[in-house]
Amino acid sequence: MQTVVDLTRCQGYAQCVFLAPEVFELHGEEGLLYATAVPDDQVEHVRQAAAACPVQAIILGEGVSAGAR
């Protein structure tokens, strides 16, 4: 599974960081770093993180790209 975060939508609520810390990481106060390729053992955590994102900035799927939105 691939993940892309629309950083123009992301407001730094960090729900993804709490739910999938092995994939998402805050850098500074609002900068988000994330792994585009989701490890198999983290897929469910990333699905939960995407569902919990208050601004729906996380895009999941196979072969998604930064231009997906």
PDB file of N, CA and C in Angstrom:
ATOM      1  N   MET A   1       0.838  -1.175   0.000  1.00  0.00           N
ATOM      2  CA  MET A   1       0.000   0.000   0.000  1.00  0.00           C
ATOM      3  C   MET A   1       0.882   1.237   0.000  1.00  0.00           C
ATOM      4  N   GLN A   2       0.413   2.239  -0.686  1.00  0.00           N
ATOM      5  CA  GLN A   2       1.105   3.533  -0.743  1.00  0.00           C
ATOM      6  C   GLN A   2       0.280   4.571   0.005  1.00  0.00           C
ATOM      7  N   THR A   3       0.946   5.572   0.518  1.00  0.00           N
ATOM      8  CA  THR A   3       0.249   6.679   1.152  1.00  0.00           C
ATOM      9  C   THR A   3       0.851   8.000   0.694  1.00  0.00           C
ATOM     10  N   VAL A   4      -0.012   8.980   0.550  1.00  0.00           N
ATOM     11  CA  VAL A   4       0.397  10.347   0.227  1.00  0.00           C
ATOM     12  C   VAL A   4      -0.392  11.265   1.149  1.00  0.00           C
ATOM     13  N   VAL A   5       0.275  12.275   1.670  1.00  0.00           N
ATOM     14  CA  VAL A   5      -0.406  13.269   2.494  1.00  0.00           C
ATOM     15  C   VAL A   5      -0.442  14.579   1.708  1.00  0.00           C
ATOM     16  N   ASP A   6      -1.631  15.119   1.566  1.00  0.00           N
ATOM     17  CA  ASP A   6      -1.802  16.415   0.928  1.00  0.00           C
ATOM     18  C   ASP A   6      -1.392  17.467   1.956  1.00  0.00           C
ATOM     19  N   LEU A   7      -0.161  17.922   1.848  1.00  0.00           N
ATOM     20  CA  LEU A   7       0.385  18.841   2.852  1.00  0.00           C
ATOM     21  C   LEU A   7      -0.243  20.232   2.783  1.00  0.00           C
ATOM     22  N   THR A   8      -0.981  20.522   1.719  1.00  0.00           N
ATOM     23  CA  THR A   8      -1.710  21.792   1.685  1.00  0.00           C
ATOM     24  C   THR A   8      -2.981  21.709   2.523  1.00  0.00           C
ATOM     25  N   ARG A   9      -3.469  20.496   2.760  1.00  0.00           N
ATOM     26  CA  ARG A   9      -4.646  20.295   3.610  1.00  0.00           C
ATOM     27  C   ARG A   9      -4.261  20.021   5.067  1.00  0.00           C
ATOM     28  N   CYS A  10      -3.133  19.368   5.266  1.00  0.00           N
ATOM     29  CA  CYS A  10      -2.704  18.972   6.609  1.00  0.00           C
ATOM     30  C   CYS A  10      -2.589  20.201   7.508  1.00  0.00           C
ATOM     31  N   GLN A  11      -3.206  20.109   8.674  1.00  0.00           N
ATOM     32  CA  GLN A  11      -3.187  21.213   9.638  1.00  0.00           C
ATOM     33  C   GLN A  11      -2.360  20.879  10.881  1.00  0.00           C
ATOM     34  N   GLY A  12      -1.682  19.742  10.873  1.00  0.00           N
ATOM     35  CA  GLY A  12      -0.809  19.381  11.980  1.00  0.00           C
ATOM     36  C   GLY A  12      -1.533  18.887  13.220  1.00  0.00           C
ATOM     37  N   TYR A  13      -2.741  18.341  13.066  1.00  0.00           N
ATOM     38  CA  TYR A  13      -3.459  17.795  14.219  1.00  0.00           C
ATOM     39  C   TYR A  13      -2.753  16.567  14.795  1.00  0.00           C
ATOM     40  N   ALA A  14      -1.980  15.892  13.982  1.00  0.00           N
ATOM     41  CA  ALA A  14      -1.111  14.778  14.382  1.00  0.00           C
ATOM     42  C   ALA A  14      -1.853  13.528  14.828  1.00  0.00           C
ATOM     43  N   GLN A  15      -3.100  13.370  14.443  1.00  0.00           N
ATOM     44  CA  GLN A  15      -3.808  12.125  14.765  1.00  0.00           C
ATOM     45  C   GLN A  15      -3.095  10.938  14.119  1.00  0.00           C
ATOM     46  N   CYS A  16      -2.556  11.144  12.927  1.00  0.00           N
ATOM     47  CA  CYS A  16      -1.839  10.077  12.233  1.00  0.00           C
ATOM     48  C   CYS A  16      -0.587   9.650  12.998  1.00  0.00           C
ATOM     49  N   VAL A  17       0.072  10.609  13.609  1.00  0.00           N
ATOM     50  CA  VAL A  17       1.299  10.308  14.365  1.00  0.00           C
ATOM     51  C   VAL A  17       0.983   9.438  15.578  1.00  0.00           C
ATOM     52  N   PHE A  18      -0.129   9.708  16.227  1.00  0.00           N
ATOM     53  CA  PHE A  18      -0.522   8.909  17.392  1.00  0.00           C
ATOM     54  C   PHE A  18      -0.961   7.504  16.990  1.00  0.00           C
ATOM     55  N   LEU A  19      -1.626   7.382  15.848  1.00  0.00           N
ATOM     56  CA  LEU A  19      -2.171   6.093  15.437  1.00  0.00           C
ATOM     57  C   LEU A  19      -1.198   5.227  14.645  1.00  0.00           C
ATOM     58  N   ALA A  20      -0.252   5.840  13.960  1.00  0.00           N
ATOM     59  CA  ALA A  20       0.716   5.081  13.155  1.00  0.00           C
ATOM     60  C   ALA A  20       2.098   5.735  13.255  1.00  0.00           C
ATOM     61  N   PRO A  21       2.707   5.712  14.445  1.00  0.00           N
ATOM     62  CA  PRO A  21       3.988   6.403  14.639  1.00  0.00           C
ATOM     63  C   PRO A  21       5.160   5.829  13.848  1.00  0.00           C
ATOM     64  N   GLU A  22       5.028   4.613  13.357  1.00  0.00           N
ATOM     65  CA  GLU A  22       6.112   4.048  12.554  1.00  0.00           C
ATOM     66  C   GLU A  22       6.062   4.537  11.101  1.00  0.00           C
ATOM     67  N   VAL A  23       4.964   5.196  10.719  1.00  0.00           N
ATOM     68  CA  VAL A  23       4.806   5.689   9.351  1.00  0.00           C
ATOM     69  C   VAL A  23       4.820   7.215   9.312  1.00  0.00           C
ATOM     70  N   PHE A  24       4.195   7.854  10.316  1.00  0.00           N
ATOM     71  CA  PHE A  24       4.078   9.308  10.358  1.00  0.00           C
ATOM     72  C   PHE A  24       4.883   9.865  11.528  1.00  0.00           C
ATOM     73  N   GLU A  25       5.520  11.008  11.297  1.00  0.00           N
ATOM     74  CA  GLU A  25       6.347  11.624  12.338  1.00  0.00           C
ATOM     75  C   GLU A  25       6.285  13.142  12.187  1.00  0.00           C
ATOM     76  N   LEU A  26       6.098  13.816  13.313  1.00  0.00           N
ATOM     77  CA  LEU A  26       6.136  15.275  13.275  1.00  0.00           C
ATOM     78  C   LEU A  26       7.581  15.743  13.302  1.00  0.00           C
ATOM     79  N   HIS A  27       7.881  16.704  12.466  1.00  0.00           N
ATOM     80  CA  HIS A  27       9.212  17.303  12.414  1.00  0.00           C
ATOM     81  C   HIS A  27       9.022  18.760  12.799  1.00  0.00           C
ATOM     82  N   GLY A  28       9.483  19.122  13.980  1.00  0.00           N
ATOM     83  CA  GLY A  28       9.197  20.458  14.491  1.00  0.00           C
ATOM     84  C   GLY A  28       7.769  20.496  14.996  1.00  0.00           C
ATOM     85  N   GLU A  29       7.152  21.661  14.974  1.00  0.00           N
ATOM     86  CA  GLU A  29       5.799  21.781  15.497  1.00  0.00           C
ATOM     87  C   GLU A  29       4.720  21.366  14.511  1.00  0.00           C
ATOM     88  N   GLU A  30       4.949  21.580  13.218  1.00  0.00           N
ATOM     89  CA  GLU A  30       3.889  21.290  12.261  1.00  0.00           C
ATOM     90  C   GLU A  30       4.337  20.523  11.026  1.00  0.00           C
ATOM     91  N   GLY A  31       5.630  20.294  10.848  1.00  0.00           N
ATOM     92  CA  GLY A  31       6.107  19.582   9.665  1.00  0.00           C
ATOM     93  C   GLY A  31       5.869  18.095   9.802  1.00  0.00           C
ATOM     94  N   LEU A  32       5.274  17.489   8.795  1.00  0.00           N
ATOM     95  CA  LEU A  32       4.973  16.060   8.840  1.00  0.00           C
ATOM     96  C   LEU A  32       5.890  15.304   7.895  1.00  0.00           C
ATOM     97  N   LEU A  33       6.540  14.290   8.420  1.00  0.00           N
ATOM     98  CA  LEU A  33       7.319  13.359   7.611  1.00  0.00           C
ATOM     99  C   LEU A  33       6.561  12.048   7.598  1.00  0.00           C
ATOM    100  N   TYR A  34       6.601  11.338   6.470  1.00  0.00           N
ATOM    101  CA  TYR A  34       5.880  10.059   6.403  1.00  0.00           C
ATOM    102  C   TYR A  34       6.523   9.147   5.372  1.00  0.00           C
ATOM    103  N   ALA A  35       6.294   7.863   5.552  1.00  0.00           N
ATOM    104  CA  ALA A  35       6.777   6.858   4.608  1.00  0.00           C
ATOM    105  C   ALA A  35       5.720   6.669   3.526  1.00  0.00           C
ATOM    106  N   THR A  36       6.099   6.764   2.269  1.00  0.00           N
ATOM    107  CA  THR A  36       5.127   6.583   1.191  1.00  0.00           C
ATOM    108  C   THR A  36       4.755   5.118   1.013  1.00  0.00           C
ATOM    109  N   ALA A  37       5.710   4.223   1.245  1.00  0.00           N
ATOM    110  CA  ALA A  37       5.429   2.790   1.173  1.00  0.00           C
ATOM    111  C   ALA A  37       5.106   2.302   2.585  1.00  0.00           C
ATOM    112  N   VAL A  38       3.904   1.798   2.768  1.00  0.00           N
ATOM    113  CA  VAL A  38       3.462   1.356   4.085  1.00  0.00           C
ATOM    114  C   VAL A  38       3.852  -0.097   4.302  1.00  0.00           C
ATOM    115  N   PRO A  39       4.611  -0.391   5.364  1.00  0.00           N
ATOM    116  CA  PRO A  39       4.950  -1.788   5.664  1.00  0.00           C
ATOM    117  C   PRO A  39       3.676  -2.593   5.928  1.00  0.00           C
ATOM    118  N   ASP A  40       3.685  -3.850   5.562  1.00  0.00           N
ATOM    119  CA  ASP A  40       2.503  -4.706   5.724  1.00  0.00           C
ATOM    120  C   ASP A  40       1.952  -4.715   7.142  1.00  0.00           C
ATOM    121  N   ASP A  41       2.843  -4.683   8.122  1.00  0.00           N
ATOM    122  CA  ASP A  41       2.380  -4.743   9.513  1.00  0.00           C
ATOM    123  C   ASP A  41       1.808  -3.413  10.011  1.00  0.00           C
ATOM    124  N   GLN A  42       1.851  -2.379   9.174  1.00  0.00           N
ATOM    125  CA  GLN A  42       1.338  -1.061   9.558  1.00  0.00           C
ATOM    126  C   GLN A  42       0.086  -0.644   8.779  1.00  0.00           C
ATOM    127  N   VAL A  43      -0.379  -1.488   7.878  1.00  0.00           N
ATOM    128  CA  VAL A  43      -1.499  -1.120   7.011  1.00  0.00           C
ATOM    129  C   VAL A  43      -2.738  -0.743   7.811  1.00  0.00           C
ATOM    130  N   GLU A  44      -3.123  -1.548   8.782  1.00  0.00           N
ATOM    131  CA  GLU A  44      -4.330  -1.248   9.557  1.00  0.00           C
ATOM    132  C   GLU A  44      -4.169   0.038  10.359  1.00  0.00           C
ATOM    133  N   HIS A  45      -2.987   0.268  10.894  1.00  0.00           N
ATOM    134  CA  HIS A  45      -2.734   1.513  11.633  1.00  0.00           C
ATOM    135  C   HIS A  45      -2.879   2.729  10.713  1.00  0.00           C
ATOM    136  N   VAL A  46      -2.377   2.606   9.494  1.00  0.00           N
ATOM    137  CA  VAL A  46      -2.451   3.715   8.543  1.00  0.00           C
ATOM    138  C   VAL A  46      -3.896   3.941   8.089  1.00  0.00           C
ATOM    139  N   ARG A  47      -4.656   2.875   7.913  1.00  0.00           N
ATOM    140  CA  ARG A  47      -6.082   3.025   7.585  1.00  0.00           C
ATOM    141  C   ARG A  47      -6.811   3.788   8.698  1.00  0.00           C
ATOM    142  N   GLN A  48      -6.513   3.442   9.942  1.00  0.00           N
ATOM    143  CA  GLN A  48      -7.125   4.139  11.074  1.00  0.00           C
ATOM    144  C   GLN A  48      -6.701   5.606  11.104  1.00  0.00           C
ATOM    145  N   ALA A  49      -5.433   5.860  10.807  1.00  0.00           N
ATOM    146  CA  ALA A  49      -4.928   7.234  10.783  1.00  0.00           C
ATOM    147  C   ALA A  49      -5.633   8.049   9.699  1.00  0.00           C
ATOM    148  N   ALA A  50      -5.817   7.455   8.522  1.00  0.00           N
ATOM    149  CA  ALA A  50      -6.505   8.158   7.436  1.00  0.00           C
ATOM    150  C   ALA A  50      -7.949   8.466   7.822  1.00  0.00           C
ATOM    151  N   ALA A  51      -8.608   7.521   8.465  1.00  0.00           N
ATOM    152  CA  ALA A  51      -9.994   7.731   8.877  1.00  0.00           C
ATOM    153  C   ALA A  51     -10.098   8.803   9.964  1.00  0.00           C
ATOM    154  N   ALA A  52      -9.083   8.902  10.805  1.00  0.00           N
ATOM    155  CA  ALA A  52      -9.107   9.853  11.920  1.00  0.00           C
ATOM    156  C   ALA A  52      -8.678  11.262  11.528  1.00  0.00           C
ATOM    157  N   CYS A  53      -8.083  11.422  10.357  1.00  0.00           N
ATOM    158  CA  CYS A  53      -7.606  12.747   9.943  1.00  0.00           C
ATOM    159  C   CYS A  53      -8.788  13.709   9.804  1.00  0.00           C
ATOM    160  N   PRO A  54      -8.813  14.781  10.610  1.00  0.00           N
ATOM    161  CA  PRO A  54      -9.957  15.691  10.582  1.00  0.00           C
ATOM    162  C   PRO A  54     -10.129  16.447   9.264  1.00  0.00           C
ATOM    163  N   VAL A  55      -9.059  16.560   8.483  1.00  0.00           N
ATOM    164  CA  VAL A  55      -9.163  17.280   7.200  1.00  0.00           C
ATOM    165  C   VAL A  55      -9.023  16.342   6.001  1.00  0.00           C
ATOM    166  N   GLN A  56      -9.012  15.021   6.266  1.00  0.00           N
ATOM    167  CA  GLN A  56      -8.923  14.006   5.210  1.00  0.00           C
ATOM    168  C   GLN A  56      -7.760  14.269   4.255  1.00  0.00           C
ATOM    169  N   ALA A  57      -6.583  14.504   4.827  1.00  0.00           N
ATOM    170  CA  ALA A  57      -5.397  14.816   4.027  1.00  0.00           C
ATOM    171  C   ALA A  57      -4.612  13.575   3.600  1.00  0.00           C
ATOM    172  N   ILE A  58      -4.965  12.406   4.127  1.00  0.00           N
ATOM    173  CA  ILE A  58      -4.208  11.183   3.841  1.00  0.00           C
ATOM    174  C   ILE A  58      -4.903  10.394   2.740  1.00  0.00           C
ATOM    175  N   ILE A  59      -4.154  10.106   1.685  1.00  0.00           N
ATOM    176  CA  ILE A  59      -4.667   9.355   0.537  1.00  0.00           C
ATOM    177  C   ILE A  59      -3.994   7.979   0.556  1.00  0.00           C
ATOM    178  N   LEU A  60      -4.788   6.922   0.477  1.00  0.00           N
ATOM    179  CA  LEU A  60      -4.263   5.559   0.503  1.00  0.00           C
ATOM    180  C   LEU A  60      -4.601   4.833  -0.794  1.00  0.00           C
ATOM    181  N   GLY A  61      -3.776   3.861  -1.142  1.00  0.00           N
ATOM    182  CA  GLY A  61      -4.056   3.026  -2.291  1.00  0.00           C
ATOM    183  C   GLY A  61      -2.799   2.465  -2.892  1.00  0.00           C
ATOM    184  N   GLU A  62      -2.983   1.705  -3.942  1.00  0.00           N
ATOM    185  CA  GLU A  62      -1.841   1.175  -4.681  1.00  0.00           C
ATOM    186  C   GLU A  62      -1.501   2.156  -5.783  1.00  0.00           C
ATOM    187  N   GLY A  63      -0.276   2.579  -5.835  1.00  0.00           N
ATOM    188  CA  GLY A  63       0.171   3.448  -6.913  1.00  0.00           C
ATOM    189  C   GLY A  63      -0.338   4.873  -6.837  1.00  0.00           C
ATOM    190  N   VAL A  64      -0.726   5.348  -5.632  1.00  0.00           N
ATOM    191  CA  VAL A  64      -1.136   6.746  -5.531  1.00  0.00           C
ATOM    192  C   VAL A  64       0.088   7.626  -5.661  1.00  0.00           C
ATOM    193  N   SER A  65      -0.133   8.855  -6.120  1.00  0.00           N
ATOM    194  CA  SER A  65       0.978   9.779  -6.278  1.00  0.00           C
ATOM    195  C   SER A  65       0.616  11.122  -5.663  1.00  0.00           C
ATOM    196  N   ALA A  66       1.587  11.989  -5.542  1.00  0.00           N
ATOM    197  CA  ALA A  66       1.384  13.294  -4.913  1.00  0.00           C
ATOM    198  C   ALA A  66       0.327  14.116  -5.647  1.00  0.00           C
ATOM    199  N   GLY A  67       0.082  13.855  -6.897  1.00  0.00           N
ATOM    200  CA  GLY A  67      -0.926  14.591  -7.650  1.00  0.00           C
ATOM    201  C   GLY A  67      -2.306  13.947  -7.590  1.00  0.00           C
ATOM    202  N   ALA A  68      -2.527  13.048  -6.632  1.00  0.00           N
ATOM    203  CA  ALA A  68      -3.759  12.280  -6.568  1.00  0.00           C
ATOM    204  C   ALA A  68      -4.989  13.110  -6.259  1.00  0.00           C
ATOM    205  N   ARG A  69      -4.870  14.203  -5.572  1.00  0.00           N
ATOM    206  CA  ARG A  69      -6.055  15.008  -5.213  1.00  0.00           C
ATOM    207  C   ARG A  69      -6.293  15.962  -6.303  1.00  0.00           C
TER     208      ARG A  69
END
